[in-house]
Amino acid sequence: MTADDLAQLSPYLTSHILRFGAYATDELHIPPDVFDPALDEVDFGGEQPAAA
C-alpha cells in the first residue's frame, strides 16, 4: 500500500472542504447594531405560567 492509496482511504477529506469555513472579511469595518436586550418581539409559544 502506498501513501497515495492511503490518502484515498482517509476519512478526513480536504480537497473540497473548507475546514474553518468561508468568511467574508470585507465588512469587518462596519459596526454591529446596538444591542437591544428587550425580548418584546420573541414569541416563546405556548401558555404563559400563572403568577404565583
Protein backbone atom coordinates (compact mmCIF):
# COMPACT_ATOMS: atom_id res chain seq x y z
CA MET A 1 0.00 0.00 0.00
CA THR A 2 1.37 3.41 -0.94
CA ALA A 3 0.81 6.83 0.61
CA ASP A 4 -1.44 7.74 -2.33
CA ASP A 5 -3.56 4.64 -1.67
CA LEU A 6 -3.85 5.57 1.98
CA ALA A 7 -4.81 9.17 1.13
CA GLN A 8 -7.76 7.85 -0.90
CA LEU A 9 -8.98 5.85 2.11
CA SER A 10 -8.59 8.61 4.69
CA PRO A 11 -11.87 9.69 6.37
CA TYR A 12 -10.50 13.25 6.68
CA LEU A 13 -11.29 14.82 3.31
CA THR A 14 -9.55 18.10 2.50
CA SER A 15 -9.81 18.54 -1.26
CA HIS A 16 -13.29 20.11 -1.36
CA ILE A 17 -13.97 21.04 2.28
CA LEU A 18 -13.07 24.38 3.84
CA ARG A 19 -12.17 23.24 7.34
CA PHE A 20 -12.74 26.61 9.00
CA GLY A 21 -15.48 27.82 6.63
CA ALA A 22 -15.53 30.73 4.21
CA TYR A 23 -15.78 34.10 5.88
CA ALA A 24 -16.36 37.48 4.28
CA THR A 25 -13.86 39.91 5.75
CA ASP A 26 -14.78 42.91 3.64
CA GLU A 27 -17.47 44.01 6.11
CA LEU A 28 -15.45 43.87 9.33
CA HIS A 29 -15.19 47.67 9.45
CA ILE A 30 -18.99 48.05 9.74
CA PRO A 31 -20.01 48.25 13.42
CA PRO A 32 -22.89 45.98 14.51
CA ASP A 33 -26.29 47.34 15.52
CA VAL A 34 -26.74 48.44 19.11
CA PHE A 35 -27.70 45.51 21.36
CA ASP A 36 -31.35 45.59 22.45
CA PRO A 37 -31.89 43.31 25.47
CA ALA A 38 -35.72 43.58 25.24
CA LEU A 39 -37.45 40.37 24.19
CA ASP A 40 -40.73 42.02 23.16
CA GLU A 41 -40.70 40.55 19.65
CA VAL A 42 -39.84 36.98 20.68
CA ASP A 43 -42.73 34.52 20.60
CA PHE A 44 -41.99 31.79 23.09
CA GLY A 45 -45.21 29.97 22.17
CA GLY A 46 -47.45 28.02 24.48
CA GLU A 47 -49.27 29.31 27.51
CA GLN A 48 -47.67 31.63 30.00
CA PRO A 49 -47.43 30.22 33.54
CA ALA A 50 -49.79 31.70 36.11
CA ALA A 51 -48.32 34.22 38.53
CA ALA A 52 -47.62 32.69 41.92
